[in-house]
Amino acid sequence: MGKHSRPGPSNQPSRAVPRMDGDNPFAAYDKRRRPPMDIYRRHRPVHGGAGHLRPDVPRVLEEWSGFAYEPVGTAPSLAAAQGWVNEFQIGDGPAA
């Protein structure tokens, strides 16, 4: 085997990259619109910094719009923000 060959049988496609639908002409576009690491909702401390050290600091709630994260509200604490993120289940897809 060569120096840069991937592990596994050579007659099978790599499993590291998700497949694109060959019948869909917009498959590459749809792939680019996916949020980073498939995280559709996230929260951040209002004033920045390490939020895990200050769980009582208010949070900005952000949701993926298909192009960027956009603010959609605020939460009074880390627990409330985590509850908002977790109510959006994996596989639901983007809200818009």
PDB file of N, CA and C in Angstrom:
ATOM      1  N   MET A   1       0.835  -1.188   0.000  1.00  0.00           N
ATOM      2  CA  MET A   1       0.000   0.000   0.000  1.00  0.00           C
ATOM      3  C   MET A   1       0.873   1.242   0.000  1.00  0.00           C
ATOM      4  N   GLY A   2       0.367   2.277  -0.618  1.00  0.00           N
ATOM      5  CA  GLY A   2       1.100   3.529  -0.689  1.00  0.00           C
ATOM      6  C   GLY A   2       1.090   4.269   0.639  1.00  0.00           C
ATOM      7  N   LYS A   3       1.894   5.253   0.712  1.00  0.00           N
ATOM      8  CA  LYS A   3       2.055   6.034   1.929  1.00  0.00           C
ATOM      9  C   LYS A   3       0.769   6.761   2.334  1.00  0.00           C
ATOM     10  N   HIS A   4      -0.012   7.187   1.352  1.00  0.00           N
ATOM     11  CA  HIS A   4      -1.203   7.975   1.654  1.00  0.00           C
ATOM     12  C   HIS A   4      -2.506   7.223   1.409  1.00  0.00           C
ATOM     13  N   SER A   5      -2.475   5.942   1.375  1.00  0.00           N
ATOM     14  CA  SER A   5      -3.707   5.197   1.125  1.00  0.00           C
ATOM     15  C   SER A   5      -4.563   5.166   2.387  1.00  0.00           C
ATOM     16  N   ARG A   6      -5.851   5.122   2.192  1.00  0.00           N
ATOM     17  CA  ARG A   6      -6.765   5.094   3.332  1.00  0.00           C
ATOM     18  C   ARG A   6      -6.955   3.661   3.797  1.00  0.00           C
ATOM     19  N   PRO A   7      -7.323   3.471   5.056  1.00  0.00           N
ATOM     20  CA  PRO A   7      -7.573   2.108   5.527  1.00  0.00           C
ATOM     21  C   PRO A   7      -8.855   1.545   4.924  1.00  0.00           C
ATOM     22  N   GLY A   8      -8.926   0.252   4.831  1.00  0.00           N
ATOM     23  CA  GLY A   8     -10.126  -0.396   4.324  1.00  0.00           C
ATOM     24  C   GLY A   8      -9.939  -0.919   2.923  1.00  0.00           C
ATOM     25  N   PRO A   9     -10.936  -1.662   2.447  1.00  0.00           N
ATOM     26  CA  PRO A   9     -10.850  -2.238   1.106  1.00  0.00           C
ATOM     27  C   PRO A   9     -10.796  -1.153   0.031  1.00  0.00           C
ATOM     28  N   SER A  10     -10.018  -1.401  -1.002  1.00  0.00           N
ATOM     29  CA  SER A  10      -9.858  -0.406  -2.057  1.00  0.00           C
ATOM     30  C   SER A  10     -11.057  -0.344  -2.992  1.00  0.00           C
ATOM     31  N   ASN A  11     -11.924  -1.341  -2.960  1.00  0.00           N
ATOM     32  CA  ASN A  11     -13.080  -1.345  -3.862  1.00  0.00           C
ATOM     33  C   ASN A  11     -14.320  -0.701  -3.242  1.00  0.00           C
ATOM     34  N   GLN A  12     -14.199  -0.094  -2.057  1.00  0.00           N
ATOM     35  CA  GLN A  12     -15.327   0.556  -1.407  1.00  0.00           C
ATOM     36  C   GLN A  12     -15.037   2.041  -1.259  1.00  0.00           C
ATOM     37  N   PRO A  13     -16.065   2.881  -1.367  1.00  0.00           N
ATOM     38  CA  PRO A  13     -15.841   4.315  -1.196  1.00  0.00           C
ATOM     39  C   PRO A  13     -15.526   4.645   0.257  1.00  0.00           C
ATOM     40  N   SER A  14     -14.855   5.753   0.457  1.00  0.00           N
ATOM     41  CA  SER A  14     -14.517   6.192   1.805  1.00  0.00           C
ATOM     42  C   SER A  14     -15.791   6.528   2.568  1.00  0.00           C
ATOM     43  N   ARG A  15     -15.809   6.218   3.851  1.00  0.00           N
ATOM     44  CA  ARG A  15     -16.955   6.535   4.695  1.00  0.00           C
ATOM     45  C   ARG A  15     -16.745   7.829   5.466  1.00  0.00           C
ATOM     46  N   ALA A  16     -15.586   8.468   5.283  1.00  0.00           N
ATOM     47  CA  ALA A  16     -15.277   9.680   6.028  1.00  0.00           C
ATOM     48  C   ALA A  16     -16.083  10.878   5.535  1.00  0.00           C
ATOM     49  N   VAL A  17     -16.444  10.912   4.270  1.00  0.00           N
ATOM     50  CA  VAL A  17     -17.176  12.034   3.693  1.00  0.00           C
ATOM     51  C   VAL A  17     -18.591  11.580   3.369  1.00  0.00           C
ATOM     52  N   PRO A  18     -19.616  12.318   3.841  1.00  0.00           N
ATOM     53  CA  PRO A  18     -20.981  11.908   3.511  1.00  0.00           C
ATOM     54  C   PRO A  18     -21.228  11.970   2.012  1.00  0.00           C
ATOM     55  N   ARG A  19     -22.036  11.047   1.530  1.00  0.00           N
ATOM     56  CA  ARG A  19     -22.347  10.990   0.101  1.00  0.00           C
ATOM     57  C   ARG A  19     -23.296  12.117  -0.279  1.00  0.00           C
ATOM     58  N   MET A  20     -23.165  12.559  -1.519  1.00  0.00           N
ATOM     59  CA  MET A  20     -24.100  13.532  -2.065  1.00  0.00           C
ATOM     60  C   MET A  20     -25.017  12.805  -3.036  1.00  0.00           C
ATOM     61  N   ASP A  21     -26.246  13.241  -3.093  1.00  0.00           N
ATOM     62  CA  ASP A  21     -27.225  12.642  -3.993  1.00  0.00           C
ATOM     63  C   ASP A  21     -26.916  13.066  -5.425  1.00  0.00           C
ATOM     64  N   GLY A  22     -26.573  12.115  -6.281  1.00  0.00           N
ATOM     65  CA  GLY A  22     -26.238  12.416  -7.666  1.00  0.00           C
ATOM     66  C   GLY A  22     -27.417  12.895  -8.487  1.00  0.00           C
ATOM     67  N   ASP A  23     -28.637  12.566  -8.075  1.00  0.00           N
ATOM     68  CA  ASP A  23     -29.831  12.973  -8.815  1.00  0.00           C
ATOM     69  C   ASP A  23     -30.277  14.394  -8.475  1.00  0.00           C
ATOM     70  N   ASN A  24     -29.799  14.915  -7.360  1.00  0.00           N
ATOM     71  CA  ASN A  24     -30.194  16.245  -6.918  1.00  0.00           C
ATOM     72  C   ASN A  24     -29.173  17.264  -7.421  1.00  0.00           C
ATOM     73  N   PRO A  25     -29.550  18.171  -8.313  1.00  0.00           N
ATOM     74  CA  PRO A  25     -28.576  19.144  -8.824  1.00  0.00           C
ATOM     75  C   PRO A  25     -28.127  20.153  -7.769  1.00  0.00           C
ATOM     76  N   PHE A  26     -28.868  20.265  -6.667  1.00  0.00           N
ATOM     77  CA  PHE A  26     -28.514  21.210  -5.613  1.00  0.00           C
ATOM     78  C   PHE A  26     -27.836  20.533  -4.425  1.00  0.00           C
ATOM     79  N   ALA A  27     -27.363  19.316  -4.585  1.00  0.00           N
ATOM     80  CA  ALA A  27     -26.780  18.568  -3.468  1.00  0.00           C
ATOM     81  C   ALA A  27     -25.565  19.275  -2.881  1.00  0.00           C
ATOM     82  N   ALA A  28     -24.684  19.799  -3.707  1.00  0.00           N
ATOM     83  CA  ALA A  28     -23.499  20.495  -3.197  1.00  0.00           C
ATOM     84  C   ALA A  28     -23.900  21.768  -2.459  1.00  0.00           C
ATOM     85  N   TYR A  29     -24.902  22.470  -2.978  1.00  0.00           N
ATOM     86  CA  TYR A  29     -25.399  23.681  -2.329  1.00  0.00           C
ATOM     87  C   TYR A  29     -26.007  23.351  -0.967  1.00  0.00           C
ATOM     88  N   ASP A  30     -26.820  22.302  -0.910  1.00  0.00           N
ATOM     89  CA  ASP A  30     -27.435  21.893   0.349  1.00  0.00           C
ATOM     90  C   ASP A  30     -26.380  21.502   1.370  1.00  0.00           C
ATOM     91  N   LYS A  31     -25.327  20.858   0.928  1.00  0.00           N
ATOM     92  CA  LYS A  31     -24.258  20.454   1.837  1.00  0.00           C
ATOM     93  C   LYS A  31     -23.582  21.682   2.445  1.00  0.00           C
ATOM     94  N   ARG A  32     -23.379  22.727   1.645  1.00  0.00           N
ATOM     95  CA  ARG A  32     -22.738  23.944   2.155  1.00  0.00           C
ATOM     96  C   ARG A  32     -23.638  24.700   3.118  1.00  0.00           C
ATOM     97  N   ARG A  33     -24.950  24.511   3.018  1.00  0.00           N
ATOM     98  CA  ARG A  33     -25.879  25.227   3.898  1.00  0.00           C
ATOM     99  C   ARG A  33     -26.026  24.574   5.262  1.00  0.00           C
ATOM    100  N   ARG A  34     -25.454  23.382   5.436  1.00  0.00           N
ATOM    101  CA  ARG A  34     -25.528  22.735   6.747  1.00  0.00           C
ATOM    102  C   ARG A  34     -24.709  23.527   7.751  1.00  0.00           C
ATOM    103  N   PRO A  35     -25.175  23.633   8.988  1.00  0.00           N
ATOM    104  CA  PRO A  35     -24.415  24.390   9.981  1.00  0.00           C
ATOM    105  C   PRO A  35     -23.128  23.667  10.353  1.00  0.00           C
ATOM    106  N   PRO A  36     -22.168  24.395  10.884  1.00  0.00           N
ATOM    107  CA  PRO A  36     -20.937  23.750  11.333  1.00  0.00           C
ATOM    108  C   PRO A  36     -21.240  22.680  12.378  1.00  0.00           C
ATOM    109  N   MET A  37     -20.714  21.508  12.179  1.00  0.00           N
ATOM    110  CA  MET A  37     -20.865  20.368  13.093  1.00  0.00           C
ATOM    111  C   MET A  37     -22.326  19.998  13.328  1.00  0.00           C
ATOM    112  N   ASP A  38     -23.216  20.353  12.408  1.00  0.00           N
ATOM    113  CA  ASP A  38     -24.648  20.042  12.497  1.00  0.00           C
ATOM    114  C   ASP A  38     -25.294  20.566  13.777  1.00  0.00           C
ATOM    115  N   ILE A  39     -24.862  21.724  14.233  1.00  0.00           N
ATOM    116  CA  ILE A  39     -25.447  22.360  15.417  1.00  0.00           C
ATOM    117  C   ILE A  39     -26.342  23.492  14.925  1.00  0.00           C
ATOM    118  N   TYR A  40     -27.658  23.301  15.034  1.00  0.00           N
ATOM    119  CA  TYR A  40     -28.608  24.288  14.535  1.00  0.00           C
ATOM    120  C   TYR A  40     -28.898  25.387  15.549  1.00  0.00           C
ATOM    121  N   ARG A  41     -28.720  25.107  16.820  1.00  0.00           N
ATOM    122  CA  ARG A  41     -28.951  26.098  17.869  1.00  0.00           C
ATOM    123  C   ARG A  41     -27.740  26.133  18.789  1.00  0.00           C
ATOM    124  N   ARG A  42     -27.408  27.335  19.253  1.00  0.00           N
ATOM    125  CA  ARG A  42     -26.317  27.464  20.217  1.00  0.00           C
ATOM    126  C   ARG A  42     -26.597  28.660  21.113  1.00  0.00           C
ATOM    127  N   HIS A  43     -25.861  28.739  22.212  1.00  0.00           N
ATOM    128  CA  HIS A  43     -25.999  29.870  23.130  1.00  0.00           C
ATOM    129  C   HIS A  43     -24.611  30.367  23.508  1.00  0.00           C
ATOM    130  N   ARG A  44     -24.525  31.663  23.788  1.00  0.00           N
ATOM    131  CA  ARG A  44     -23.262  32.292  24.171  1.00  0.00           C
ATOM    132  C   ARG A  44     -23.528  33.310  25.267  1.00  0.00           C
ATOM    133  N   PRO A  45     -22.551  33.517  26.177  1.00  0.00           N
ATOM    134  CA  PRO A  45     -22.720  34.563  27.191  1.00  0.00           C
ATOM    135  C   PRO A  45     -22.870  35.936  26.530  1.00  0.00           C
ATOM    136  N   VAL A  46     -23.710  36.781  27.104  1.00  0.00           N
ATOM    137  CA  VAL A  46     -23.975  38.098  26.530  1.00  0.00           C
ATOM    138  C   VAL A  46     -22.690  38.916  26.414  1.00  0.00           C
ATOM    139  N   HIS A  47     -21.851  38.877  27.427  1.00  0.00           N
ATOM    140  CA  HIS A  47     -20.639  39.694  27.441  1.00  0.00           C
ATOM    141  C   HIS A  47     -19.402  38.896  27.064  1.00  0.00           C
ATOM    142  N   GLY A  48     -19.570  37.705  26.490  1.00  0.00           N
ATOM    143  CA  GLY A  48     -18.439  36.886  26.062  1.00  0.00           C
ATOM    144  C   GLY A  48     -17.745  36.214  27.237  1.00  0.00           C
ATOM    145  N   GLY A  49     -16.651  35.562  26.953  1.00  0.00           N
ATOM    146  CA  GLY A  49     -15.879  34.912  27.997  1.00  0.00           C
ATOM    147  C   GLY A  49     -16.286  33.474  28.211  1.00  0.00           C
ATOM    148  N   ALA A  50     -15.752  32.901  29.268  1.00  0.00           N
ATOM    149  CA  ALA A  50     -15.970  31.495  29.600  1.00  0.00           C
ATOM    150  C   ALA A  50     -17.290  31.351  30.352  1.00  0.00           C
ATOM    151  N   GLY A  51     -18.321  30.967  29.653  1.00  0.00           N
ATOM    152  CA  GLY A  51     -19.648  30.872  30.243  1.00  0.00           C
ATOM    153  C   GLY A  51     -19.803  29.758  31.254  1.00  0.00           C
ATOM    154  N   HIS A  52     -18.983  28.706  31.138  1.00  0.00           N
ATOM    155  CA  HIS A  52     -19.114  27.600  32.084  1.00  0.00           C
ATOM    156  C   HIS A  52     -18.643  28.012  33.476  1.00  0.00           C
ATOM    157  N   LEU A  53     -17.883  29.102  33.584  1.00  0.00           N
ATOM    158  CA  LEU A  53     -17.445  29.583  34.891  1.00  0.00           C
ATOM    159  C   LEU A  53     -18.484  30.484  35.538  1.00  0.00           C
ATOM    160  N   ARG A  54     -19.421  30.993  34.747  1.00  0.00           N
ATOM    161  CA  ARG A  54     -20.459  31.902  35.242  1.00  0.00           C
ATOM    162  C   ARG A  54     -21.825  31.436  34.756  1.00  0.00           C
ATOM    163  N   PRO A  55     -22.404  30.421  35.395  1.00  0.00           N
ATOM    164  CA  PRO A  55     -23.670  29.870  34.891  1.00  0.00           C
ATOM    165  C   PRO A  55     -24.871  30.802  35.053  1.00  0.00           C
ATOM    166  N   ASP A  56     -24.751  31.853  35.871  1.00  0.00           N
ATOM    167  CA  ASP A  56     -25.890  32.748  36.092  1.00  0.00           C
ATOM    168  C   ASP A  56     -25.901  33.956  35.161  1.00  0.00           C
ATOM    169  N   VAL A  57     -24.935  34.047  34.266  1.00  0.00           N
ATOM    170  CA  VAL A  57     -24.860  35.169  33.328  1.00  0.00           C
ATOM    171  C   VAL A  57     -25.881  34.950  32.208  1.00  0.00           C
ATOM    172  N   PRO A  58     -26.582  36.009  31.778  1.00  0.00           N
ATOM    173  CA  PRO A  58     -27.540  35.858  30.666  1.00  0.00           C
ATOM    174  C   PRO A  58     -26.862  35.377  29.383  1.00  0.00           C
ATOM    175  N   ARG A  59     -27.638  34.704  28.539  1.00  0.00           N
ATOM    176  CA  ARG A  59     -27.120  34.125  27.292  1.00  0.00           C
ATOM    177  C   ARG A  59     -27.861  34.677  26.090  1.00  0.00           C
ATOM    178  N   VAL A  60     -27.141  34.781  24.985  1.00  0.00           N
ATOM    179  CA  VAL A  60     -27.747  35.096  23.691  1.00  0.00           C
ATOM    180  C   VAL A  60     -28.030  33.772  23.006  1.00  0.00           C
ATOM    181  N   LEU A  61     -29.256  33.585  22.544  1.00  0.00           N
ATOM    182  CA  LEU A  61     -29.645  32.357  21.851  1.00  0.00           C
ATOM    183  C   LEU A  61     -29.532  32.597  20.351  1.00  0.00           C
ATOM    184  N   GLU A  62     -28.831  31.685  19.656  1.00  0.00           N
ATOM    185  CA  GLU A  62     -28.607  31.839  18.222  1.00  0.00           C
ATOM    186  C   GLU A  62     -29.090  30.600  17.488  1.00  0.00           C
ATOM    187  N   GLU A  63     -29.651  30.822  16.306  1.00  0.00           N
ATOM    188  CA  GLU A  63     -30.158  29.722  15.490  1.00  0.00           C
ATOM    189  C   GLU A  63     -29.589  29.844  14.078  1.00  0.00           C
ATOM    190  N   TRP A  64     -29.269  28.693  13.458  1.00  0.00           N
ATOM    191  CA  TRP A  64     -28.707  28.653  12.112  1.00  0.00           C
ATOM    192  C   TRP A  64     -29.787  28.989  11.098  1.00  0.00           C
ATOM    193  N   SER A  65     -29.511  29.953  10.210  1.00  0.00           N
ATOM    194  CA  SER A  65     -30.497  30.390   9.220  1.00  0.00           C
ATOM    195  C   SER A  65     -30.280  29.767   7.845  1.00  0.00           C
ATOM    196  N   GLY A  66     -29.245  28.979   7.700  1.00  0.00           N
ATOM    197  CA  GLY A  66     -28.899  28.430   6.401  1.00  0.00           C
ATOM    198  C   GLY A  66     -27.658  29.090   5.841  1.00  0.00           C
ATOM    199  N   PHE A  67     -27.286  30.225   6.425  1.00  0.00           N
ATOM    200  CA  PHE A  67     -26.090  30.942   5.983  1.00  0.00           C
ATOM    201  C   PHE A  67     -25.215  31.357   7.154  1.00  0.00           C
ATOM    202  N   ALA A  68     -25.826  31.678   8.295  1.00  0.00           N
ATOM    203  CA  ALA A  68     -25.076  32.134   9.466  1.00  0.00           C
ATOM    204  C   ALA A  68     -25.948  31.944  10.706  1.00  0.00           C
ATOM    205  N   TYR A  69     -25.322  32.051  11.879  1.00  0.00           N
ATOM    206  CA  TYR A  69     -26.084  32.033  13.122  1.00  0.00           C
ATOM    207  C   TYR A  69     -26.676  33.421  13.334  1.00  0.00           C
ATOM    208  N   GLU A  70     -27.977  33.465  13.668  1.00  0.00           N
ATOM    209  CA  GLU A  70     -28.657  34.729  13.904  1.00  0.00           C
ATOM    210  C   GLU A  70     -29.251  34.719  15.301  1.00  0.00           C
ATOM    211  N   PRO A  71     -29.151  35.839  16.040  1.00  0.00           N
ATOM    212  CA  PRO A  71     -29.741  35.897  17.377  1.00  0.00           C
ATOM    213  C   PRO A  71     -31.267  35.819  17.297  1.00  0.00           C
ATOM    214  N   VAL A  72     -31.841  35.004  18.173  1.00  0.00           N
ATOM    215  CA  VAL A  72     -33.297  34.861  18.190  1.00  0.00           C
ATOM    216  C   VAL A  72     -33.894  35.158  19.560  1.00  0.00           C
ATOM    217  N   GLY A  73     -33.048  35.409  20.561  1.00  0.00           N
ATOM    218  CA  GLY A  73     -33.569  35.708  21.881  1.00  0.00           C
ATOM    219  C   GLY A  73     -32.485  35.663  22.933  1.00  0.00           C
ATOM    220  N   THR A  74     -32.927  35.717  24.188  1.00  0.00           N
ATOM    221  CA  THR A  74     -31.999  35.641  25.315  1.00  0.00           C
ATOM    222  C   THR A  74     -32.535  34.650  26.334  1.00  0.00           C
ATOM    223  N   ALA A  75     -31.639  34.189  27.179  1.00  0.00           N
ATOM    224  CA  ALA A  75     -32.007  33.299  28.279  1.00  0.00           C
ATOM    225  C   ALA A  75     -31.352  33.841  29.546  1.00  0.00           C
ATOM    226  N   PRO A  76     -32.016  33.722  30.692  1.00  0.00           N
ATOM    227  CA  PRO A  76     -31.471  34.303  31.921  1.00  0.00           C
ATOM    228  C   PRO A  76     -30.281  33.547  32.512  1.00  0.00           C
ATOM    229  N   SER A  77     -30.100  32.279  32.140  1.00  0.00           N
ATOM    230  CA  SER A  77     -29.028  31.491  32.755  1.00  0.00           C
ATOM    231  C   SER A  77     -28.576  30.381  31.814  1.00  0.00           C
ATOM    232  N   LEU A  78     -27.509  29.706  32.213  1.00  0.00           N
ATOM    233  CA  LEU A  78     -26.981  28.592  31.428  1.00  0.00           C
ATOM    234  C   LEU A  78     -27.999  27.457  31.337  1.00  0.00           C
ATOM    235  N   ALA A  79     -28.670  27.143  32.442  1.00  0.00           N
ATOM    236  CA  ALA A  79     -29.636  26.039  32.446  1.00  0.00           C
ATOM    237  C   ALA A  79     -30.794  26.309  31.479  1.00  0.00           C
ATOM    238  N   ALA A  80     -31.290  27.537  31.471  1.00  0.00           N
ATOM    239  CA  ALA A  80     -32.388  27.879  30.559  1.00  0.00           C
ATOM    240  C   ALA A  80     -31.927  27.812  29.104  1.00  0.00           C
ATOM    241  N   ALA A  81     -30.709  28.267  28.839  1.00  0.00           N
ATOM    242  CA  ALA A  81     -30.181  28.228  27.473  1.00  0.00           C
ATOM    243  C   ALA A  81     -29.977  26.795  27.008  1.00  0.00           C
ATOM    244  N   GLN A  82     -29.459  25.941  27.881  1.00  0.00           N
ATOM    245  CA  GLN A  82     -29.274  24.537  27.514  1.00  0.00           C
ATOM    246  C   GLN A  82     -30.609  23.859  27.265  1.00  0.00           C
ATOM    247  N   GLY A  83     -31.621  24.206  28.030  1.00  0.00           N
ATOM    248  CA  GLY A  83     -32.959  23.663  27.796  1.00  0.00           C
ATOM    249  C   GLY A  83     -33.498  24.063  26.437  1.00  0.00           C
ATOM    250  N   TRP A  84     -33.261  25.317  26.042  1.00  0.00           N
ATOM    251  CA  TRP A  84     -33.704  25.784  24.721  1.00  0.00           C
ATOM    252  C   TRP A  84     -32.985  25.037  23.609  1.00  0.00           C
ATOM    253  N   VAL A  85     -31.685  24.829  23.754  1.00  0.00           N
ATOM    254  CA  VAL A  85     -30.915  24.104  22.736  1.00  0.00           C
ATOM    255  C   VAL A  85     -31.381  22.659  22.654  1.00  0.00           C
ATOM    256  N   ASN A  86     -31.625  22.028  23.789  1.00  0.00           N
ATOM    257  CA  ASN A  86     -31.970  20.608  23.819  1.00  0.00           C
ATOM    258  C   ASN A  86     -33.400  20.315  23.379  1.00  0.00           C
ATOM    259  N   GLU A  87     -34.285  21.298  23.380  1.00  0.00           N
ATOM    260  CA  GLU A  87     -35.656  21.032  22.916  1.00  0.00           C
ATOM    261  C   GLU A  87     -35.701  20.866  21.400  1.00  0.00           C
ATOM    262  N   PHE A  88     -34.653  21.273  20.716  1.00  0.00           N
ATOM    263  CA  PHE A  88     -34.523  21.097  19.268  1.00  0.00           C
ATOM    264  C   PHE A  88     -33.796  19.786  19.041  1.00  0.00           C
ATOM    265  N   GLN A  89     -34.508  18.763  18.620  1.00  0.00           N
ATOM    266  CA  GLN A  89     -33.944  17.423  18.501  1.00  0.00           C
ATOM    267  C   GLN A  89     -33.132  17.263  17.225  1.00  0.00           C
ATOM    268  N   ILE A  90     -32.157  16.382  17.257  1.00  0.00           N
ATOM    269  CA  ILE A  90     -31.344  16.063  16.084  1.00  0.00           C
ATOM    270  C   ILE A  90     -32.248  15.453  15.018  1.00  0.00           C
ATOM    271  N   GLY A  91     -32.079  15.879  13.794  1.00  0.00           N
ATOM    272  CA  GLY A  91     -32.873  15.359  12.692  1.00  0.00           C
ATOM    273  C   GLY A  91     -34.087  16.211  12.370  1.00  0.00           C
ATOM    274  N   ASP A  92     -34.382  17.206  13.208  1.00  0.00           N
ATOM    275  CA  ASP A  92     -35.503  18.091  12.923  1.00  0.00           C
ATOM    276  C   ASP A  92     -35.208  18.993  11.734  1.00  0.00           C
ATOM    277  N   GLY A  93     -33.939  19.255  11.486  1.00  0.00           N
ATOM    278  CA  GLY A  93     -33.561  20.136  10.385  1.00  0.00           C
ATOM    279  C   GLY A  93     -33.683  21.582  10.800  1.00  0.00           C
ATOM    280  N   PRO A  94     -33.312  22.492   9.925  1.00  0.00           N
ATOM    281  CA  PRO A  94     -33.382  23.908  10.260  1.00  0.00           C
ATOM    282  C   PRO A  94     -34.819  24.382  10.403  1.00  0.00           C
ATOM    283  N   ALA A  95     -34.997  25.398  11.228  1.00  0.00           N
ATOM    284  CA  ALA A  95     -36.339  25.915  11.492  1.00  0.00           C
ATOM    285  C   ALA A  95     -36.893  26.681  10.301  1.00  0.00           C
ATOM    286  N   ALA A  96     -36.018  27.278   9.515  1.00  0.00           N
ATOM    287  CA  ALA A  96     -36.495  28.089   8.389  1.00  0.00           C
ATOM    288  C   ALA A  96     -36.636  27.269   7.134  1.00  0.00           C
TER     289      ALA A  96
END
